[in-house]
Amino acid sequence: MSRKSQTDQHRRGIYLLPNLFTTAALFSGFYAIVAAMHGRFEPAAIAIFVAMLLDGIDGRVARLTNTQSDFGAEYDSLSDMVSFGLAPALVIYEWALSDLGKLGWLAAFIYTATAALRLARFNTQVEHADKRYFQGLASPSAAAIIAGGVWVGEHYAVFPVQFDYLVWAITVLVGLLMVSNVRYYSFKTFNLRNRVPFVAILVIVLVLVLVSANPPVVLFSVFSVYALSGPVLTLIQLRQRRAERDQAHRHEES
């Protein structure tokens, strides 16, 4: 076999390890849809959180093992669309929005469409975007709010028909946050290979204990606070820029 044919064969192959995690994330999103169709909403919500965990692992595994590829990036994006775009919309629709008729499926479609637009914008801007921040709420975080709300409702046996319009408003608002220009801290600058103070390990242990105490409430609360942090961060940065412009203007006048 010639060197050229060996190179072509190598290029046609894919890296197994990171794509296994991506496939597992895709399976979790698909399972969430199937579970919701059978009225098993708590497992459906948990499956979306499992997909989030696996989605966070596959990228780090690819970077740590130097197995990043264009195929992996495209596959990950398609998996995200199913797990964090389509699955949360169908789960929330089956749980609370179906009783609203046309309004219900329109809200679910708005969420799905904005998730697709969010992913498309991210893919086109990934090369030159500031890695410290996300432009718009990331689709996994948006899915966590939707899935977390369903999980809390099922955990406390809440009848969703009593809050269907509130759920509708949250679904639409979360979708709009994904395609907004609001900036969110990405945590991508956090390097697991760097040394950290001993207290950091203690904080991680406390967080795990807190989550295990009441997973649905804690996870829903954490991601809801994160969703609110974006507008707050954006307002702070806008005020800082305005103050800098005013100060520069005063220096020019003096």
C-alpha atoms as a PDB file:
ATOM      1  CA  MET A   1       0.000   0.000   0.000  1.00  0.00           C
ATOM      2  CA  SER A   2       1.390   3.388  -0.999  1.00  0.00           C
ATOM      3  CA  ARG A   3       2.007   6.209   1.497  1.00  0.00           C
ATOM      4  CA  LYS A   4      -0.738   8.293  -0.141  1.00  0.00           C
ATOM      5  CA  SER A   5      -3.346   5.543   0.221  1.00  0.00           C
ATOM      6  CA  GLN A   6      -2.312   5.001   3.853  1.00  0.00           C
ATOM      7  CA  THR A   7      -2.762   8.735   4.511  1.00  0.00           C
ATOM      8  CA  ASP A   8      -6.172   8.745   2.812  1.00  0.00           C
ATOM      9  CA  GLN A   9      -7.245   5.740   4.870  1.00  0.00           C
ATOM     10  CA  HIS A  10      -6.106   7.488   8.057  1.00  0.00           C
ATOM     11  CA  ARG A  11      -8.064  10.612   7.139  1.00  0.00           C
ATOM     12  CA  ARG A  12     -11.204   8.594   6.474  1.00  0.00           C
ATOM     13  CA  GLY A  13     -11.111   7.120   9.979  1.00  0.00           C
ATOM     14  CA  ILE A  14     -12.567   8.746  13.084  1.00  0.00           C
ATOM     15  CA  TYR A  15     -11.352   8.932  16.663  1.00  0.00           C
ATOM     16  CA  LEU A  16     -13.265   6.429  18.763  1.00  0.00           C
ATOM     17  CA  LEU A  17     -12.935   7.702  22.341  1.00  0.00           C
ATOM     18  CA  PRO A  18     -14.454  11.221  22.143  1.00  0.00           C
ATOM     19  CA  ASN A  19     -17.133  10.089  19.687  1.00  0.00           C
ATOM     20  CA  LEU A  20     -18.209   7.349  22.093  1.00  0.00           C
ATOM     21  CA  PHE A  21     -19.074  10.024  24.646  1.00  0.00           C
ATOM     22  CA  THR A  22     -20.862  12.054  21.960  1.00  0.00           C
ATOM     23  CA  THR A  23     -22.880   8.977  20.945  1.00  0.00           C
ATOM     24  CA  ALA A  24     -23.784   8.341  24.573  1.00  0.00           C
ATOM     25  CA  ALA A  25     -24.956  11.965  24.890  1.00  0.00           C
ATOM     26  CA  LEU A  26     -27.037  11.557  21.734  1.00  0.00           C
ATOM     27  CA  PHE A  27     -28.545   8.355  23.136  1.00  0.00           C
ATOM     28  CA  SER A  28     -29.462  10.167  26.374  1.00  0.00           C
ATOM     29  CA  GLY A  29     -31.260  12.889  24.423  1.00  0.00           C
ATOM     30  CA  PHE A  30     -33.112  10.304  22.358  1.00  0.00           C
ATOM     31  CA  TYR A  31     -34.046   8.379  25.501  1.00  0.00           C
ATOM     32  CA  ALA A  32     -35.451  11.582  27.027  1.00  0.00           C
ATOM     33  CA  ILE A  33     -37.794  11.940  24.049  1.00  0.00           C
ATOM     34  CA  VAL A  34     -38.952   8.310  24.233  1.00  0.00           C
ATOM     35  CA  ALA A  35     -39.458   8.511  28.010  1.00  0.00           C
ATOM     36  CA  ALA A  36     -41.537  11.701  27.680  1.00  0.00           C
ATOM     37  CA  MET A  37     -43.705  10.064  25.013  1.00  0.00           C
ATOM     38  CA  HIS A  38     -44.553   7.361  27.576  1.00  0.00           C
ATOM     39  CA  GLY A  39     -45.253   9.859  30.362  1.00  0.00           C
ATOM     40  CA  ARG A  40     -42.039   9.092  32.290  1.00  0.00           C
ATOM     41  CA  PHE A  41     -41.004  12.701  32.771  1.00  0.00           C
ATOM     42  CA  GLU A  42     -38.588  12.349  35.685  1.00  0.00           C
ATOM     43  CA  PRO A  43     -36.319   9.861  33.836  1.00  0.00           C
ATOM     44  CA  ALA A  44     -36.632  12.090  30.761  1.00  0.00           C
ATOM     45  CA  ALA A  45     -35.369  15.116  32.688  1.00  0.00           C
ATOM     46  CA  ILE A  46     -32.553  13.123  34.276  1.00  0.00           C
ATOM     47  CA  ALA A  47     -31.508  11.841  30.838  1.00  0.00           C
ATOM     48  CA  ILE A  48     -31.034  15.435  29.624  1.00  0.00           C
ATOM     49  CA  PHE A  49     -28.722  16.132  32.567  1.00  0.00           C
ATOM     50  CA  VAL A  50     -26.799  12.938  31.764  1.00  0.00           C
ATOM     51  CA  ALA A  51     -26.444  14.193  28.186  1.00  0.00           C
ATOM     52  CA  MET A  52     -25.059  17.468  29.576  1.00  0.00           C
ATOM     53  CA  LEU A  53     -22.453  15.602  31.602  1.00  0.00           C
ATOM     54  CA  LEU A  54     -21.402  13.469  28.637  1.00  0.00           C
ATOM     55  CA  ASP A  55     -21.320  16.508  26.335  1.00  0.00           C
ATOM     56  CA  GLY A  56     -18.920  18.226  28.719  1.00  0.00           C
ATOM     57  CA  ILE A  57     -16.694  15.161  28.855  1.00  0.00           C
ATOM     58  CA  ASP A  58     -16.325  14.478  25.123  1.00  0.00           C
ATOM     59  CA  GLY A  59     -14.739  17.836  24.321  1.00  0.00           C
ATOM     60  CA  ARG A  60     -12.302  17.649  27.219  1.00  0.00           C
ATOM     61  CA  VAL A  61     -11.378  14.067  26.325  1.00  0.00           C
ATOM     62  CA  ALA A  62     -10.706  15.147  22.738  1.00  0.00           C
ATOM     63  CA  ARG A  63      -8.458  18.000  23.896  1.00  0.00           C
ATOM     64  CA  LEU A  64      -6.619  15.947  26.517  1.00  0.00           C
ATOM     65  CA  THR A  65      -5.962  13.064  24.106  1.00  0.00           C
ATOM     66  CA  ASN A  66      -5.316  15.341  21.107  1.00  0.00           C
ATOM     67  CA  THR A  67      -8.095  13.623  19.129  1.00  0.00           C
ATOM     68  CA  GLN A  68      -9.962  16.715  17.963  1.00  0.00           C
ATOM     69  CA  SER A  69     -11.349  16.566  14.421  1.00  0.00           C
ATOM     70  CA  ASP A  70     -13.796  18.322  12.123  1.00  0.00           C
ATOM     71  CA  PHE A  71     -15.942  15.190  12.133  1.00  0.00           C
ATOM     72  CA  GLY A  72     -16.082  15.201  15.931  1.00  0.00           C
ATOM     73  CA  ALA A  73     -17.047  18.880  16.014  1.00  0.00           C
ATOM     74  CA  GLU A  74     -19.884  18.374  13.515  1.00  0.00           C
ATOM     75  CA  TYR A  75     -21.097  15.214  15.233  1.00  0.00           C
ATOM     76  CA  ASP A  76     -21.065  16.979  18.603  1.00  0.00           C
ATOM     77  CA  SER A  77     -23.113  19.852  17.188  1.00  0.00           C
ATOM     78  CA  LEU A  78     -25.746  17.494  15.772  1.00  0.00           C
ATOM     79  CA  SER A  79     -25.867  15.614  19.071  1.00  0.00           C
ATOM     80  CA  ASP A  80     -26.370  18.916  20.902  1.00  0.00           C
ATOM     81  CA  MET A  81     -29.288  19.775  18.639  1.00  0.00           C
ATOM     82  CA  VAL A  82     -31.063  16.549  19.578  1.00  0.00           C
ATOM     83  CA  SER A  83     -30.164  16.493  23.286  1.00  0.00           C
ATOM     84  CA  PHE A  84     -30.465  20.210  24.075  1.00  0.00           C
ATOM     85  CA  GLY A  85     -32.721  21.504  21.326  1.00  0.00           C
ATOM     86  CA  LEU A  86     -35.281  18.895  20.369  1.00  0.00           C
ATOM     87  CA  ALA A  87     -35.437  16.755  23.529  1.00  0.00           C
ATOM     88  CA  PRO A  88     -36.144  19.563  26.060  1.00  0.00           C
ATOM     89  CA  ALA A  89     -38.779  21.070  23.751  1.00  0.00           C
ATOM     90  CA  LEU A  90     -40.637  17.771  23.388  1.00  0.00           C
ATOM     91  CA  VAL A  91     -40.318  16.926  27.093  1.00  0.00           C
ATOM     92  CA  ILE A  92     -41.725  20.288  28.205  1.00  0.00           C
ATOM     93  CA  TYR A  93     -44.434  20.089  25.544  1.00  0.00           C
ATOM     94  CA  GLU A  94     -45.596  16.656  26.681  1.00  0.00           C
ATOM     95  CA  TRP A  95     -45.390  17.670  30.348  1.00  0.00           C
ATOM     96  CA  ALA A  96     -47.128  21.054  30.388  1.00  0.00           C
ATOM     97  CA  LEU A  97     -47.614  22.734  27.012  1.00  0.00           C
ATOM     98  CA  SER A  98     -49.775  20.232  25.155  1.00  0.00           C
ATOM     99  CA  ASP A  99     -52.914  21.438  26.972  1.00  0.00           C
ATOM    100  CA  LEU A 100     -52.400  24.929  25.527  1.00  0.00           C
ATOM    101  CA  GLY A 101     -53.013  23.750  21.984  1.00  0.00           C
ATOM    102  CA  LYS A 102     -51.397  25.882  19.290  1.00  0.00           C
ATOM    103  CA  LEU A 103     -49.755  28.178  21.847  1.00  0.00           C
ATOM    104  CA  GLY A 104     -48.091  25.153  23.413  1.00  0.00           C
ATOM    105  CA  TRP A 105     -46.462  23.717  20.329  1.00  0.00           C
ATOM    106  CA  LEU A 106     -45.486  27.195  19.130  1.00  0.00           C
ATOM    107  CA  ALA A 107     -43.540  27.738  22.362  1.00  0.00           C
ATOM    108  CA  ALA A 108     -41.863  24.347  21.953  1.00  0.00           C
ATOM    109  CA  PHE A 109     -40.984  25.208  18.342  1.00  0.00           C
ATOM    110  CA  ILE A 110     -39.586  28.607  19.361  1.00  0.00           C
ATOM    111  CA  TYR A 111     -37.286  26.854  21.804  1.00  0.00           C
ATOM    112  CA  THR A 112     -36.209  24.294  19.184  1.00  0.00           C
ATOM    113  CA  ALA A 113     -35.600  26.925  16.499  1.00  0.00           C
ATOM    114  CA  THR A 114     -33.641  29.222  18.802  1.00  0.00           C
ATOM    115  CA  ALA A 115     -31.485  26.286  19.923  1.00  0.00           C
ATOM    116  CA  ALA A 116     -30.688  25.531  16.262  1.00  0.00           C
ATOM    117  CA  LEU A 117     -29.903  29.193  15.577  1.00  0.00           C
ATOM    118  CA  ARG A 118     -27.742  29.366  18.710  1.00  0.00           C
ATOM    119  CA  LEU A 119     -25.696  26.347  17.612  1.00  0.00           C
ATOM    120  CA  ALA A 120     -25.333  27.657  14.053  1.00  0.00           C
ATOM    121  CA  ARG A 121     -24.136  31.050  15.293  1.00  0.00           C
ATOM    122  CA  PHE A 122     -21.700  29.425  17.706  1.00  0.00           C
ATOM    123  CA  ASN A 123     -20.235  27.200  14.979  1.00  0.00           C
ATOM    124  CA  THR A 124     -19.657  30.143  12.642  1.00  0.00           C
ATOM    125  CA  GLN A 125     -18.093  32.369  15.330  1.00  0.00           C
ATOM    126  CA  VAL A 126     -16.068  29.799  17.263  1.00  0.00           C
ATOM    127  CA  GLU A 127     -12.755  30.704  15.608  1.00  0.00           C
ATOM    128  CA  HIS A 128     -12.744  34.411  16.497  1.00  0.00           C
ATOM    129  CA  ALA A 129     -15.065  34.579  19.518  1.00  0.00           C
ATOM    130  CA  ASP A 130     -13.814  35.510  23.002  1.00  0.00           C
ATOM    131  CA  LYS A 131     -13.486  32.106  24.679  1.00  0.00           C
ATOM    132  CA  ARG A 132     -14.093  33.623  28.118  1.00  0.00           C
ATOM    133  CA  TYR A 133     -17.731  34.347  27.264  1.00  0.00           C
ATOM    134  CA  PHE A 134     -20.683  32.862  25.417  1.00  0.00           C
ATOM    135  CA  GLN A 135     -22.834  35.114  23.260  1.00  0.00           C
ATOM    136  CA  GLY A 136     -26.300  34.099  24.383  1.00  0.00           C
ATOM    137  CA  LEU A 137     -27.242  31.359  26.807  1.00  0.00           C
ATOM    138  CA  ALA A 138     -25.562  28.070  25.858  1.00  0.00           C
ATOM    139  CA  SER A 139     -27.987  25.362  24.749  1.00  0.00           C
ATOM    140  CA  PRO A 140     -26.960  22.856  27.491  1.00  0.00           C
ATOM    141  CA  SER A 141     -27.703  25.469  30.169  1.00  0.00           C
ATOM    142  CA  ALA A 142     -31.031  26.292  28.531  1.00  0.00           C
ATOM    143  CA  ALA A 143     -31.890  22.587  28.433  1.00  0.00           C
ATOM    144  CA  ALA A 144     -30.950  22.284  32.121  1.00  0.00           C
ATOM    145  CA  ILE A 145     -33.482  24.959  33.059  1.00  0.00           C
ATOM    146  CA  ILE A 146     -36.248  23.223  31.104  1.00  0.00           C
ATOM    147  CA  ALA A 147     -35.345  19.738  32.345  1.00  0.00           C
ATOM    148  CA  GLY A 148     -34.771  21.010  35.880  1.00  0.00           C
ATOM    149  CA  GLY A 149     -38.223  22.582  35.977  1.00  0.00           C
ATOM    150  CA  VAL A 150     -39.826  19.324  34.852  1.00  0.00           C
ATOM    151  CA  TRP A 151     -37.779  17.356  37.390  1.00  0.00           C
ATOM    152  CA  VAL A 152     -38.812  19.675  40.243  1.00  0.00           C
ATOM    153  CA  GLY A 153     -42.460  19.434  39.194  1.00  0.00           C
ATOM    154  CA  GLU A 154     -42.380  15.655  39.074  1.00  0.00           C
ATOM    155  CA  HIS A 155     -40.432  15.413  42.332  1.00  0.00           C
ATOM    156  CA  TYR A 156     -43.059  17.418  44.210  1.00  0.00           C
ATOM    157  CA  ALA A 157     -46.035  16.001  42.269  1.00  0.00           C
ATOM    158  CA  VAL A 158     -46.971  19.406  40.846  1.00  0.00           C
ATOM    159  CA  PHE A 159     -49.836  19.459  38.358  1.00  0.00           C
ATOM    160  CA  PRO A 160     -48.358  21.342  35.366  1.00  0.00           C
ATOM    161  CA  VAL A 161     -51.812  22.470  34.188  1.00  0.00           C
ATOM    162  CA  GLN A 162     -51.840  24.882  37.141  1.00  0.00           C
ATOM    163  CA  PHE A 163     -48.706  26.630  35.859  1.00  0.00           C
ATOM    164  CA  ASP A 164     -48.951  26.060  32.107  1.00  0.00           C
ATOM    165  CA  TYR A 165     -48.754  29.751  31.160  1.00  0.00           C
ATOM    166  CA  LEU A 166     -45.772  30.269  33.477  1.00  0.00           C
ATOM    167  CA  VAL A 167     -44.061  27.280  31.876  1.00  0.00           C
ATOM    168  CA  TRP A 168     -44.916  28.726  28.455  1.00  0.00           C
ATOM    169  CA  ALA A 169     -43.299  32.062  29.371  1.00  0.00           C
ATOM    170  CA  ILE A 170     -40.165  30.387  30.768  1.00  0.00           C
ATOM    171  CA  THR A 171     -39.798  28.213  27.661  1.00  0.00           C
ATOM    172  CA  VAL A 172     -40.022  31.179  25.309  1.00  0.00           C
ATOM    173  CA  LEU A 173     -37.772  33.372  27.473  1.00  0.00           C
ATOM    174  CA  VAL A 174     -35.066  30.721  27.718  1.00  0.00           C
ATOM    175  CA  GLY A 175     -35.216  30.265  23.956  1.00  0.00           C
ATOM    176  CA  LEU A 176     -34.840  34.005  23.349  1.00  0.00           C
ATOM    177  CA  LEU A 177     -31.883  34.160  25.742  1.00  0.00           C
ATOM    178  CA  MET A 178     -30.075  31.620  23.548  1.00  0.00           C
ATOM    179  CA  VAL A 179     -30.164  33.928  20.522  1.00  0.00           C
ATOM    180  CA  SER A 180     -29.655  37.159  22.462  1.00  0.00           C
ATOM    181  CA  ASN A 181     -26.441  39.181  22.613  1.00  0.00           C
ATOM    182  CA  VAL A 182     -26.283  38.738  26.383  1.00  0.00           C
ATOM    183  CA  ARG A 183     -22.845  37.554  27.483  1.00  0.00           C
ATOM    184  CA  TYR A 184     -22.334  34.591  29.803  1.00  0.00           C
ATOM    185  CA  TYR A 185     -19.115  33.490  31.449  1.00  0.00           C
ATOM    186  CA  SER A 186     -18.043  30.261  29.726  1.00  0.00           C
ATOM    187  CA  PHE A 187     -15.665  28.752  32.357  1.00  0.00           C
ATOM    188  CA  LYS A 188     -13.513  27.571  29.435  1.00  0.00           C
ATOM    189  CA  THR A 189     -10.449  29.250  30.898  1.00  0.00           C
ATOM    190  CA  PHE A 190     -10.600  26.848  33.854  1.00  0.00           C
ATOM    191  CA  ASN A 191      -7.795  24.310  33.318  1.00  0.00           C
ATOM    192  CA  LEU A 192      -8.102  20.985  35.126  1.00  0.00           C
ATOM    193  CA  ARG A 193      -4.370  20.346  34.762  1.00  0.00           C
ATOM    194  CA  ASN A 194      -3.365  23.425  36.766  1.00  0.00           C
ATOM    195  CA  ARG A 195      -2.673  23.350  40.484  1.00  0.00           C
ATOM    196  CA  VAL A 196      -5.493  24.647  42.683  1.00  0.00           C
ATOM    197  CA  PRO A 197      -5.622  25.589  46.387  1.00  0.00           C
ATOM    198  CA  PHE A 198      -6.640  22.873  48.833  1.00  0.00           C
ATOM    199  CA  VAL A 199      -9.844  24.771  49.616  1.00  0.00           C
ATOM    200  CA  ALA A 200     -10.973  24.212  46.005  1.00  0.00           C
ATOM    201  CA  ILE A 201     -11.299  20.482  46.680  1.00  0.00           C
ATOM    202  CA  LEU A 202     -13.314  21.255  49.801  1.00  0.00           C
ATOM    203  CA  VAL A 203     -15.649  23.479  47.769  1.00  0.00           C
ATOM    204  CA  ILE A 204     -16.147  20.693  45.211  1.00  0.00           C
ATOM    205  CA  VAL A 205     -17.034  18.238  48.001  1.00  0.00           C
ATOM    206  CA  LEU A 206     -19.545  20.709  49.472  1.00  0.00           C
ATOM    207  CA  VAL A 207     -21.120  21.268  46.052  1.00  0.00           C
ATOM    208  CA  LEU A 208     -21.495  17.502  45.534  1.00  0.00           C
ATOM    209  CA  VAL A 209     -23.107  17.146  48.969  1.00  0.00           C
ATOM    210  CA  LEU A 210     -25.463  20.041  48.232  1.00  0.00           C
ATOM    211  CA  VAL A 211     -26.505  18.574  44.880  1.00  0.00           C
ATOM    212  CA  SER A 212     -27.012  15.097  46.314  1.00  0.00           C
ATOM    213  CA  ALA A 213     -29.254  16.518  49.071  1.00  0.00           C
ATOM    214  CA  ASN A 214     -31.916  17.618  46.579  1.00  0.00           C
ATOM    215  CA  PRO A 215     -30.742  17.250  42.956  1.00  0.00           C
ATOM    216  CA  PRO A 216     -33.791  18.680  41.122  1.00  0.00           C
ATOM    217  CA  VAL A 217     -34.097  21.837  43.223  1.00  0.00           C
ATOM    218  CA  VAL A 218     -30.357  22.524  43.419  1.00  0.00           C
ATOM    219  CA  LEU A 219     -29.691  21.965  39.711  1.00  0.00           C
ATOM    220  CA  PHE A 220     -32.717  23.993  38.624  1.00  0.00           C
ATOM    221  CA  SER A 221     -31.730  26.814  40.982  1.00  0.00           C
ATOM    222  CA  VAL A 222     -28.072  26.839  39.891  1.00  0.00           C
ATOM    223  CA  PHE A 223     -28.850  27.033  36.180  1.00  0.00           C
ATOM    224  CA  SER A 224     -31.612  29.582  36.732  1.00  0.00           C
ATOM    225  CA  VAL A 225     -29.145  31.811  38.597  1.00  0.00           C
ATOM    226  CA  TYR A 226     -26.654  31.291  35.772  1.00  0.00           C
ATOM    227  CA  ALA A 227     -29.297  32.371  33.238  1.00  0.00           C
ATOM    228  CA  LEU A 228     -29.901  35.542  35.273  1.00  0.00           C
ATOM    229  CA  SER A 229     -26.159  36.180  35.600  1.00  0.00           C
ATOM    230  CA  GLY A 230     -25.882  36.948  31.887  1.00  0.00           C
ATOM    231  CA  PRO A 231     -28.078  40.069  31.868  1.00  0.00           C
ATOM    232  CA  VAL A 232     -26.431  41.231  35.112  1.00  0.00           C
ATOM    233  CA  LEU A 233     -22.930  40.729  33.672  1.00  0.00           C
ATOM    234  CA  THR A 234     -23.916  42.505  30.453  1.00  0.00           C
ATOM    235  CA  LEU A 235     -25.319  45.499  32.353  1.00  0.00           C
ATOM    236  CA  ILE A 236     -22.166  45.758  34.468  1.00  0.00           C
ATOM    237  CA  GLN A 237     -19.942  45.672  31.382  1.00  0.00           C
ATOM    238  CA  LEU A 238     -22.100  48.283  29.627  1.00  0.00           C
ATOM    239  CA  ARG A 239     -21.834  50.594  32.651  1.00  0.00           C
ATOM    240  CA  GLN A 240     -18.069  50.097  32.763  1.00  0.00           C
ATOM    241  CA  ARG A 241     -17.727  50.970  29.086  1.00  0.00           C
ATOM    242  CA  ARG A 242     -19.952  54.008  29.508  1.00  0.00           C
ATOM    243  CA  ALA A 243     -17.864  55.163  32.473  1.00  0.00           C
ATOM    244  CA  GLU A 244     -14.659  54.681  30.453  1.00  0.00           C
ATOM    245  CA  ARG A 245     -16.088  56.698  27.551  1.00  0.00           C
ATOM    246  CA  ASP A 246     -17.190  59.492  29.895  1.00  0.00           C
ATOM    247  CA  GLN A 247     -13.780  59.588  31.530  1.00  0.00           C
ATOM    248  CA  ALA A 248     -12.027  59.697  28.145  1.00  0.00           C
ATOM    249  CA  HIS A 249     -14.377  62.480  27.057  1.00  0.00           C
ATOM    250  CA  ARG A 250     -13.530  64.496  30.182  1.00  0.00           C
ATOM    251  CA  HIS A 251      -9.808  64.091  29.511  1.00  0.00           C
ATOM    252  CA  GLU A 252     -10.283  65.340  25.950  1.00  0.00           C
ATOM    253  CA  GLU A 253     -12.186  68.409  27.184  1.00  0.00           C
ATOM    254  CA  SER A 254      -9.574  69.196  29.825  1.00  0.00           C
END
